[in-house]
Amino acid sequence: MMLYLYLEVDLSDDDADLDEVARDSGHTLSHPQLLDWDLLGVTNWHGHACLEFQLEMKEAIDDTELHQLISDIQVQISHPAVSSSRSVHLSKNGVRS
């Protein structure tokens, strides 16, 4: 099953932008149900520029479980310009689809 995670990122460097972070950062996602992930790039989610990840899950996730899952997925972004990040949305349908 595929899910889409939207991550809002705060940058501490005025010279950096989210496209650079998407291109040059290392990223790690972890959760017991997560098989694999892919950073699709930068997208706009309700007026917020976000990193969009496609997540491949081990099994189907019920809609009622999405809220808990967004809290449980651990995300680490490694880039010198990133001061913090937060998961803002998890969906069965990507913005690009």
PDB file of N, CA and C in Angstrom:
ATOM      1  N   MET A   1       0.835  -1.175   0.000  1.00  0.00           N
ATOM      2  CA  MET A   1       0.000   0.000   0.000  1.00  0.00           C
ATOM      3  C   MET A   1       0.882   1.240   0.000  1.00  0.00           C
ATOM      4  N   MET A   2       0.514   2.210  -0.819  1.00  0.00           N
ATOM      5  CA  MET A   2       1.254   3.472  -0.893  1.00  0.00           C
ATOM      6  C   MET A   2       0.522   4.566  -0.105  1.00  0.00           C
ATOM      7  N   LEU A   3       1.300   5.359   0.621  1.00  0.00           N
ATOM      8  CA  LEU A   3       0.804   6.546   1.312  1.00  0.00           C
ATOM      9  C   LEU A   3       1.707   7.711   0.934  1.00  0.00           C
ATOM     10  N   TYR A   4       1.225   8.914   1.194  1.00  0.00           N
ATOM     11  CA  TYR A   4       1.990  10.124   0.885  1.00  0.00           C
ATOM     12  C   TYR A   4       2.097  10.964   2.146  1.00  0.00           C
ATOM     13  N   LEU A   5       3.329  11.295   2.507  1.00  0.00           N
ATOM     14  CA  LEU A   5       3.625  12.079   3.698  1.00  0.00           C
ATOM     15  C   LEU A   5       4.117  13.453   3.273  1.00  0.00           C
ATOM     16  N   TYR A   6       3.571  14.492   3.903  1.00  0.00           N
ATOM     17  CA  TYR A   6       3.958  15.875   3.615  1.00  0.00           C
ATOM     18  C   TYR A   6       4.670  16.432   4.832  1.00  0.00           C
ATOM     19  N   LEU A   7       5.898  16.890   4.597  1.00  0.00           N
ATOM     20  CA  LEU A   7       6.771  17.347   5.661  1.00  0.00           C
ATOM     21  C   LEU A   7       7.084  18.824   5.463  1.00  0.00           C
ATOM     22  N   GLU A   8       6.686  19.634   6.443  1.00  0.00           N
ATOM     23  CA  GLU A   8       7.012  21.061   6.415  1.00  0.00           C
ATOM     24  C   GLU A   8       8.387  21.238   7.058  1.00  0.00           C
ATOM     25  N   VAL A   9       9.230  22.043   6.428  1.00  0.00           N
ATOM     26  CA  VAL A   9      10.616  22.195   6.858  1.00  0.00           C
ATOM     27  C   VAL A   9      10.913  23.664   7.131  1.00  0.00           C
ATOM     28  N   ASP A  10      11.515  23.936   8.285  1.00  0.00           N
ATOM     29  CA  ASP A  10      11.984  25.284   8.612  1.00  0.00           C
ATOM     30  C   ASP A  10      13.467  25.368   8.273  1.00  0.00           C
ATOM     31  N   LEU A  11      13.827  26.436   7.558  1.00  0.00           N
ATOM     32  CA  LEU A  11      15.217  26.634   7.148  1.00  0.00           C
ATOM     33  C   LEU A  11      15.854  27.749   7.963  1.00  0.00           C
ATOM     34  N   SER A  12      17.087  27.525   8.405  1.00  0.00           N
ATOM     35  CA  SER A  12      17.809  28.531   9.184  1.00  0.00           C
ATOM     36  C   SER A  12      18.738  29.367   8.316  1.00  0.00           C
ATOM     37  N   ASP A  13      18.867  29.011   7.053  1.00  0.00           N
ATOM     38  CA  ASP A  13      19.764  29.701   6.128  1.00  0.00           C
ATOM     39  C   ASP A  13      18.931  30.385   5.054  1.00  0.00           C
ATOM     40  N   ASP A  14      18.992  31.718   5.000  1.00  0.00           N
ATOM     41  CA  ASP A  14      18.209  32.475   4.018  1.00  0.00           C
ATOM     42  C   ASP A  14      18.629  32.194   2.580  1.00  0.00           C
ATOM     43  N   ASP A  15      19.832  31.694   2.380  1.00  0.00           N
ATOM     44  CA  ASP A  15      20.311  31.406   1.028  1.00  0.00           C
ATOM     45  C   ASP A  15      19.856  30.037   0.514  1.00  0.00           C
ATOM     46  N   ALA A  16      19.326  29.199   1.392  1.00  0.00           N
ATOM     47  CA  ALA A  16      18.873  27.864   0.994  1.00  0.00           C
ATOM     48  C   ALA A  16      17.382  27.897   0.682  1.00  0.00           C
ATOM     49  N   ASP A  17      16.957  26.971  -0.160  1.00  0.00           N
ATOM     50  CA  ASP A  17      15.526  26.830  -0.421  1.00  0.00           C
ATOM     51  C   ASP A  17      15.156  25.350  -0.348  1.00  0.00           C
ATOM     52  N   LEU A  18      13.865  25.090  -0.362  1.00  0.00           N
ATOM     53  CA  LEU A  18      13.384  23.726  -0.182  1.00  0.00           C
ATOM     54  C   LEU A  18      13.783  22.810  -1.338  1.00  0.00           C
ATOM     55  N   ASP A  19      13.882  23.358  -2.544  1.00  0.00           N
ATOM     56  CA  ASP A  19      14.345  22.546  -3.674  1.00  0.00           C
ATOM     57  C   ASP A  19      15.768  22.041  -3.434  1.00  0.00           C
ATOM     58  N   GLU A  20      16.615  22.903  -2.886  1.00  0.00           N
ATOM     59  CA  GLU A  20      17.992  22.501  -2.560  1.00  0.00           C
ATOM     60  C   GLU A  20      17.993  21.408  -1.498  1.00  0.00           C
ATOM     61  N   VAL A  21      17.148  21.568  -0.486  1.00  0.00           N
ATOM     62  CA  VAL A  21      17.056  20.557   0.566  1.00  0.00           C
ATOM     63  C   VAL A  21      16.607  19.222  -0.028  1.00  0.00           C
ATOM     64  N   ALA A  22      15.604  19.260  -0.904  1.00  0.00           N
ATOM     65  CA  ALA A  22      15.117  18.024  -1.533  1.00  0.00           C
ATOM     66  C   ALA A  22      16.213  17.360  -2.365  1.00  0.00           C
ATOM     67  N   ARG A  23      17.000  18.161  -3.018  1.00  0.00           N
ATOM     68  CA  ARG A  23      18.039  17.653  -3.917  1.00  0.00           C
ATOM     69  C   ARG A  23      19.270  17.151  -3.151  1.00  0.00           C
ATOM     70  N   ASP A  24      19.651  17.854  -2.086  1.00  0.00           N
ATOM     71  CA  ASP A  24      20.947  17.611  -1.454  1.00  0.00           C
ATOM     72  C   ASP A  24      20.898  17.007  -0.051  1.00  0.00           C
ATOM     73  N   SER A  25      19.727  16.746   0.480  1.00  0.00           N
ATOM     74  CA  SER A  25      19.660  16.271   1.862  1.00  0.00           C
ATOM     75  C   SER A  25      19.694  14.754   1.930  1.00  0.00           C
ATOM     76  N   GLY A  26      20.100  14.284   3.090  1.00  0.00           N
ATOM     77  CA  GLY A  26      19.905  12.886   3.423  1.00  0.00           C
ATOM     78  C   GLY A  26      18.616  12.801   4.225  1.00  0.00           C
ATOM     79  N   HIS A  27      17.922  11.711   4.130  1.00  0.00           N
ATOM     80  CA  HIS A  27      16.679  11.575   4.885  1.00  0.00           C
ATOM     81  C   HIS A  27      16.477  10.119   5.283  1.00  0.00           C
ATOM     82  N   THR A  28      15.961   9.963   6.478  1.00  0.00           N
ATOM     83  CA  THR A  28      15.674   8.643   7.018  1.00  0.00           C
ATOM     84  C   THR A  28      14.270   8.660   7.589  1.00  0.00           C
ATOM     85  N   LEU A  29      13.481   7.671   7.219  1.00  0.00           N
ATOM     86  CA  LEU A  29      12.146   7.498   7.769  1.00  0.00           C
ATOM     87  C   LEU A  29      12.096   6.121   8.408  1.00  0.00           C
ATOM     88  N   SER A  30      11.436   6.025   9.553  1.00  0.00           N
ATOM     89  CA  SER A  30      11.336   4.713  10.185  1.00  0.00           C
ATOM     90  C   SER A  30       9.975   4.527  10.843  1.00  0.00           C
ATOM     91  N   HIS A  31       9.477   3.312  10.695  1.00  0.00           N
ATOM     92  CA  HIS A  31       8.238   2.856  11.316  1.00  0.00           C
ATOM     93  C   HIS A  31       8.179   1.348  11.079  1.00  0.00           C
ATOM     94  N   PRO A  32       7.675   0.572  12.022  1.00  0.00           N
ATOM     95  CA  PRO A  32       7.636  -0.883  11.841  1.00  0.00           C
ATOM     96  C   PRO A  32       6.865  -1.342  10.594  1.00  0.00           C
ATOM     97  N   GLN A  33       5.882  -0.577  10.147  1.00  0.00           N
ATOM     98  CA  GLN A  33       5.084  -0.965   8.982  1.00  0.00           C
ATOM     99  C   GLN A  33       5.637  -0.426   7.665  1.00  0.00           C
ATOM    100  N   LEU A  34       6.728   0.346   7.711  1.00  0.00           N
ATOM    101  CA  LEU A  34       7.285   0.983   6.517  1.00  0.00           C
ATOM    102  C   LEU A  34       8.279   0.050   5.816  1.00  0.00           C
ATOM    103  N   LEU A  35       8.009  -0.240   4.538  1.00  0.00           N
ATOM    104  CA  LEU A  35       8.922  -1.053   3.731  1.00  0.00           C
ATOM    105  C   LEU A  35       9.972  -0.203   3.035  1.00  0.00           C
ATOM    106  N   ASP A  36       9.524   0.884   2.396  1.00  0.00           N
ATOM    107  CA  ASP A  36      10.414   1.718   1.592  1.00  0.00           C
ATOM    108  C   ASP A  36       9.781   3.094   1.437  1.00  0.00           C
ATOM    109  N   TRP A  37      10.589   4.066   0.999  1.00  0.00           N
ATOM    110  CA  TRP A  37      10.081   5.408   0.753  1.00  0.00           C
ATOM    111  C   TRP A  37      10.872   6.049  -0.364  1.00  0.00           C
ATOM    112  N   ASP A  38      10.266   7.083  -0.932  1.00  0.00           N
ATOM    113  CA  ASP A  38      10.917   7.847  -1.987  1.00  0.00           C
ATOM    114  C   ASP A  38      10.551   9.311  -1.791  1.00  0.00           C
ATOM    115  N   LEU A  39      11.535  10.187  -1.826  1.00  0.00           N
ATOM    116  CA  LEU A  39      11.276  11.622  -1.775  1.00  0.00           C
ATOM    117  C   LEU A  39      10.902  12.062  -3.181  1.00  0.00           C
ATOM    118  N   LEU A  40       9.645  12.453  -3.373  1.00  0.00           N
ATOM    119  CA  LEU A  40       9.161  12.847  -4.694  1.00  0.00           C
ATOM    120  C   LEU A  40       9.582  14.259  -5.057  1.00  0.00           C
ATOM    121  N   GLY A  41       9.816  15.104  -4.049  1.00  0.00           N
ATOM    122  CA  GLY A  41      10.235  16.478  -4.307  1.00  0.00           C
ATOM    123  C   GLY A  41       9.435  17.462  -3.482  1.00  0.00           C
ATOM    124  N   VAL A  42       9.416  18.696  -3.946  1.00  0.00           N
ATOM    125  CA  VAL A  42       8.717  19.781  -3.254  1.00  0.00           C
ATOM    126  C   VAL A  42       7.334  19.934  -3.869  1.00  0.00           C
ATOM    127  N   THR A  43       6.343  20.085  -3.016  1.00  0.00           N
ATOM    128  CA  THR A  43       4.980  20.309  -3.485  1.00  0.00           C
ATOM    129  C   THR A  43       4.304  21.313  -2.564  1.00  0.00           C
ATOM    130  N   ASN A  44       3.149  21.763  -2.960  1.00  0.00           N
ATOM    131  CA  ASN A  44       2.381  22.726  -2.178  1.00  0.00           C
ATOM    132  C   ASN A  44       1.198  22.000  -1.564  1.00  0.00           C
ATOM    133  N   TRP A  45       1.106  22.037  -0.244  1.00  0.00           N
ATOM    134  CA  TRP A  45      -0.026  21.436   0.453  1.00  0.00           C
ATOM    135  C   TRP A  45      -0.718  22.535   1.249  1.00  0.00           C
ATOM    136  N   HIS A  46      -1.887  22.938   0.799  1.00  0.00           N
ATOM    137  CA  HIS A  46      -2.695  23.982   1.448  1.00  0.00           C
ATOM    138  C   HIS A  46      -1.888  25.251   1.738  1.00  0.00           C
ATOM    139  N   GLY A  47      -1.139  25.693   0.742  1.00  0.00           N
ATOM    140  CA  GLY A  47      -0.387  26.933   0.864  1.00  0.00           C
ATOM    141  C   GLY A  47       0.967  26.799   1.529  1.00  0.00           C
ATOM    142  N   HIS A  48       1.346  25.600   1.889  1.00  0.00           N
ATOM    143  CA  HIS A  48       2.638  25.364   2.531  1.00  0.00           C
ATOM    144  C   HIS A  48       3.530  24.571   1.584  1.00  0.00           C
ATOM    145  N   ALA A  49       4.732  25.066   1.364  1.00  0.00           N
ATOM    146  CA  ALA A  49       5.708  24.293   0.593  1.00  0.00           C
ATOM    147  C   ALA A  49       6.182  23.147   1.480  1.00  0.00           C
ATOM    148  N   CYS A  50       6.089  21.936   0.966  1.00  0.00           N
ATOM    149  CA  CYS A  50       6.425  20.740   1.742  1.00  0.00           C
ATOM    150  C   CYS A  50       7.252  19.779   0.906  1.00  0.00           C
ATOM    151  N   LEU A  51       7.997  18.943   1.600  1.00  0.00           N
ATOM    152  CA  LEU A  51       8.613  17.800   0.950  1.00  0.00           C
ATOM    153  C   LEU A  51       7.559  16.700   0.900  1.00  0.00           C
ATOM    154  N   GLU A  52       7.419  16.075  -0.263  1.00  0.00           N
ATOM    155  CA  GLU A  52       6.437  15.003  -0.426  1.00  0.00           C
ATOM    156  C   GLU A  52       7.169  13.670  -0.536  1.00  0.00           C
ATOM    157  N   PHE A  53       6.832  12.757   0.365  1.00  0.00           N
ATOM    158  CA  PHE A  53       7.393  11.414   0.367  1.00  0.00           C
ATOM    159  C   PHE A  53       6.319  10.409  -0.018  1.00  0.00           C
ATOM    160  N   GLN A  54       6.692   9.448  -0.840  1.00  0.00           N
ATOM    161  CA  GLN A  54       5.809   8.321  -1.121  1.00  0.00           C
ATOM    162  C   GLN A  54       6.279   7.172  -0.236  1.00  0.00           C
ATOM    163  N   LEU A  55       5.372   6.628   0.555  1.00  0.00           N
ATOM    164  CA  LEU A  55       5.700   5.569   1.499  1.00  0.00           C
ATOM    165  C   LEU A  55       5.097   4.253   1.035  1.00  0.00           C
ATOM    166  N   GLU A  56       5.892   3.210   1.030  1.00  0.00           N
ATOM    167  CA  GLU A  56       5.370   1.877   0.749  1.00  0.00           C
ATOM    168  C   GLU A  56       5.230   1.149   2.084  1.00  0.00           C
ATOM    169  N   MET A  57       3.997   0.810   2.418  1.00  0.00           N
ATOM    170  CA  MET A  57       3.708   0.171   3.694  1.00  0.00           C
ATOM    171  C   MET A  57       3.619  -1.343   3.511  1.00  0.00           C
ATOM    172  N   LYS A  58       3.867  -2.093   4.591  1.00  0.00           N
ATOM    173  CA  LYS A  58       3.820  -3.556   4.541  1.00  0.00           C
ATOM    174  C   LYS A  58       2.409  -4.076   4.312  1.00  0.00           C
ATOM    175  N   GLU A  59       1.429  -3.368   4.848  1.00  0.00           N
ATOM    176  CA  GLU A  59       0.042  -3.815   4.729  1.00  0.00           C
ATOM    177  C   GLU A  59      -0.877  -2.608   4.625  1.00  0.00           C
ATOM    178  N   ALA A  60      -2.109  -2.869   4.265  1.00  0.00           N
ATOM    179  CA  ALA A  60      -3.095  -1.792   4.117  1.00  0.00           C
ATOM    180  C   ALA A  60      -3.297  -1.073   5.451  1.00  0.00           C
ATOM    181  N   ILE A  61      -3.464   0.230   5.356  1.00  0.00           N
ATOM    182  CA  ILE A  61      -3.696   1.073   6.530  1.00  0.00           C
ATOM    183  C   ILE A  61      -5.117   1.614   6.442  1.00  0.00           C
ATOM    184  N   ASP A  62      -5.879   1.423   7.498  1.00  0.00           N
ATOM    185  CA  ASP A  62      -7.248   1.921   7.556  1.00  0.00           C
ATOM    186  C   ASP A  62      -7.230   3.441   7.742  1.00  0.00           C
ATOM    187  N   ASP A  63      -8.231   4.111   7.185  1.00  0.00           N
ATOM    188  CA  ASP A  63      -8.319   5.575   7.316  1.00  0.00           C
ATOM    189  C   ASP A  63      -8.257   6.030   8.771  1.00  0.00           C
ATOM    190  N   THR A  64      -8.840   5.257   9.666  1.00  0.00           N
ATOM    191  CA  THR A  64      -8.856   5.643  11.080  1.00  0.00           C
ATOM    192  C   THR A  64      -7.466   5.572  11.710  1.00  0.00           C
ATOM    193  N   GLU A  65      -6.538   4.865  11.071  1.00  0.00           N
ATOM    194  CA  GLU A  65      -5.178   4.722  11.599  1.00  0.00           C
ATOM    195  C   GLU A  65      -4.221   5.810  11.110  1.00  0.00           C
ATOM    196  N   LEU A  66      -4.627   6.596  10.115  1.00  0.00           N
ATOM    197  CA  LEU A  66      -3.723   7.587   9.521  1.00  0.00           C
ATOM    198  C   LEU A  66      -3.257   8.625  10.535  1.00  0.00           C
ATOM    199  N   HIS A  67      -4.177   9.099  11.397  1.00  0.00           N
ATOM    200  CA  HIS A  67      -3.815  10.136  12.369  1.00  0.00           C
ATOM    201  C   HIS A  67      -2.728   9.633  13.328  1.00  0.00           C
ATOM    202  N   GLN A  68      -2.866   8.409  13.797  1.00  0.00           N
ATOM    203  CA  GLN A  68      -1.855   7.857  14.697  1.00  0.00           C
ATOM    204  C   GLN A  68      -0.546   7.598  13.961  1.00  0.00           C
ATOM    205  N   LEU A  69      -0.653   7.137  12.734  1.00  0.00           N
ATOM    206  CA  LEU A  69       0.535   6.812  11.944  1.00  0.00           C
ATOM    207  C   LEU A  69       1.402   8.043  11.688  1.00  0.00           C
ATOM    208  N   ILE A  70       0.770   9.188  11.409  1.00  0.00           N
ATOM    209  CA  ILE A  70       1.552  10.410  11.158  1.00  0.00           C
ATOM    210  C   ILE A  70       2.356  10.801  12.399  1.00  0.00           C
ATOM    211  N   SER A  71       1.831  10.496  13.577  1.00  0.00           N
ATOM    212  CA  SER A  71       2.562  10.790  14.817  1.00  0.00           C
ATOM    213  C   SER A  71       3.683   9.789  15.071  1.00  0.00           C
ATOM    214  N   ASP A  72       3.496   8.565  14.582  1.00  0.00           N
ATOM    215  CA  ASP A  72       4.443   7.492  14.885  1.00  0.00           C
ATOM    216  C   ASP A  72       5.624   7.400  13.921  1.00  0.00           C
ATOM    217  N   ILE A  73       5.465   7.882  12.695  1.00  0.00           N
ATOM    218  CA  ILE A  73       6.561   7.807  11.725  1.00  0.00           C
ATOM    219  C   ILE A  73       7.667   8.775  12.142  1.00  0.00           C
ATOM    220  N   GLN A  74       8.873   8.270  12.240  1.00  0.00           N
ATOM    221  CA  GLN A  74      10.017   9.106  12.601  1.00  0.00           C
ATOM    222  C   GLN A  74      10.733   9.535  11.327  1.00  0.00           C
ATOM    223  N   VAL A  75      10.970  10.847  11.216  1.00  0.00           N
ATOM    224  CA  VAL A  75      11.616  11.413  10.027  1.00  0.00           C
ATOM    225  C   VAL A  75      12.837  12.208  10.465  1.00  0.00           C
ATOM    226  N   GLN A  76      13.960  11.954   9.804  1.00  0.00           N
ATOM    227  CA  GLN A  76      15.174  12.735  10.041  1.00  0.00           C
ATOM    228  C   GLN A  76      15.652  13.287   8.704  1.00  0.00           C
ATOM    229  N   ILE A  77      15.858  14.601   8.656  1.00  0.00           N
ATOM    230  CA  ILE A  77      16.379  15.271   7.470  1.00  0.00           C
ATOM    231  C   ILE A  77      17.769  15.791   7.818  1.00  0.00           C
ATOM    232  N   SER A  78      18.757  15.424   7.021  1.00  0.00           N
ATOM    233  CA  SER A  78      20.136  15.857   7.253  1.00  0.00           C
ATOM    234  C   SER A  78      20.541  16.872   6.191  1.00  0.00           C
ATOM    235  N   HIS A  79      20.496  18.127   6.569  1.00  0.00           N
ATOM    236  CA  HIS A  79      20.932  19.224   5.698  1.00  0.00           C
ATOM    237  C   HIS A  79      21.282  20.388   6.617  1.00  0.00           C
ATOM    238  N   PRO A  80      22.404  21.074   6.386  1.00  0.00           N
ATOM    239  CA  PRO A  80      22.820  22.146   7.301  1.00  0.00           C
ATOM    240  C   PRO A  80      21.826  23.293   7.415  1.00  0.00           C
ATOM    241  N   ALA A  81      20.980  23.503   6.424  1.00  0.00           N
ATOM    242  CA  ALA A  81      20.033  24.619   6.468  1.00  0.00           C
ATOM    243  C   ALA A  81      18.730  24.275   7.185  1.00  0.00           C
ATOM    244  N   VAL A  82      18.508  23.007   7.504  1.00  0.00           N
ATOM    245  CA  VAL A  82      17.249  22.592   8.136  1.00  0.00           C
ATOM    246  C   VAL A  82      17.354  22.758   9.646  1.00  0.00           C
ATOM    247  N   SER A  83      16.480  23.604  10.202  1.00  0.00           N
ATOM    248  CA  SER A  83      16.469  23.791  11.651  1.00  0.00           C
ATOM    249  C   SER A  83      15.431  22.902  12.325  1.00  0.00           C
ATOM    250  N   SER A  84      14.335  22.592  11.633  1.00  0.00           N
ATOM    251  CA  SER A  84      13.320  21.689  12.177  1.00  0.00           C
ATOM    252  C   SER A  84      12.401  21.235  11.048  1.00  0.00           C
ATOM    253  N   SER A  85      11.638  20.207  11.341  1.00  0.00           N
ATOM    254  CA  SER A  85      10.649  19.725  10.376  1.00  0.00           C
ATOM    255  C   SER A  85       9.497  19.095  11.141  1.00  0.00           C
ATOM    256  N   ARG A  86       8.347  19.026  10.480  1.00  0.00           N
ATOM    257  CA  ARG A  86       7.181  18.404  11.099  1.00  0.00           C
ATOM    258  C   ARG A  86       6.293  17.805  10.017  1.00  0.00           C
ATOM    259  N   SER A  87       5.767  16.651  10.311  1.00  0.00           N
ATOM    260  CA  SER A  87       4.822  16.001   9.409  1.00  0.00           C
ATOM    261  C   SER A  87       3.487  16.718   9.528  1.00  0.00           C
ATOM    262  N   VAL A  88       2.962  17.189   8.389  1.00  0.00           N
ATOM    263  CA  VAL A  88       1.717  17.957   8.432  1.00  0.00           C
ATOM    264  C   VAL A  88       0.527  17.209   7.850  1.00  0.00           C
ATOM    265  N   HIS A  89       0.785  16.171   7.041  1.00  0.00           N
ATOM    266  CA  HIS A  89      -0.341  15.446   6.449  1.00  0.00           C
ATOM    267  C   HIS A  89       0.126  14.084   5.959  1.00  0.00           C
ATOM    268  N   LEU A  90      -0.763  13.113   6.074  1.00  0.00           N
ATOM    269  CA  LEU A  90      -0.537  11.770   5.560  1.00  0.00           C
ATOM    270  C   LEU A  90      -1.787  11.366   4.809  1.00  0.00           C
ATOM    271  N   SER A  91      -1.613  10.899   3.585  1.00  0.00           N
ATOM    272  CA  SER A  91      -2.769  10.658   2.725  1.00  0.00           C
ATOM    273  C   SER A  91      -2.574   9.403   1.889  1.00  0.00           C
ATOM    274  N   LYS A  92      -3.692   8.823   1.470  1.00  0.00           N
ATOM    275  CA  LYS A  92      -3.649   7.699   0.533  1.00  0.00           C
ATOM    276  C   LYS A  92      -3.529   8.186  -0.900  1.00  0.00           C
ATOM    277  N   ASN A  93      -3.761   9.469  -1.123  1.00  0.00           N
ATOM    278  CA  ASN A  93      -3.673  10.057  -2.461  1.00  0.00           C
ATOM    279  C   ASN A  93      -2.675  11.201  -2.437  1.00  0.00           C
ATOM    280  N   GLY A  94      -1.709  11.160  -3.328  1.00  0.00           N
ATOM    281  CA  GLY A  94      -0.716  12.217  -3.389  1.00  0.00           C
ATOM    282  C   GLY A  94      -1.250  13.462  -4.062  1.00  0.00           C
ATOM    283  N   VAL A  95      -0.639  14.599  -3.778  1.00  0.00           N
ATOM    284  CA  VAL A  95      -1.004  15.869  -4.402  1.00  0.00           C
ATOM    285  C   VAL A  95      -0.823  15.781  -5.907  1.00  0.00           C
ATOM    286  N   ARG A  96       0.196  15.053  -6.341  1.00  0.00           N
ATOM    287  CA  ARG A  96       0.518  14.953  -7.764  1.00  0.00           C
ATOM    288  C   ARG A  96      -0.397  13.989  -8.515  1.00  0.00           C
ATOM    289  N   SER A  97      -1.147  13.130  -7.798  1.00  0.00           N
ATOM    290  CA  SER A  97      -1.962  12.132  -8.499  1.00  0.00           C
ATOM    291  C   SER A  97      -3.278  12.685  -8.977  1.00  0.00           C
TER     292      SER A  97
END
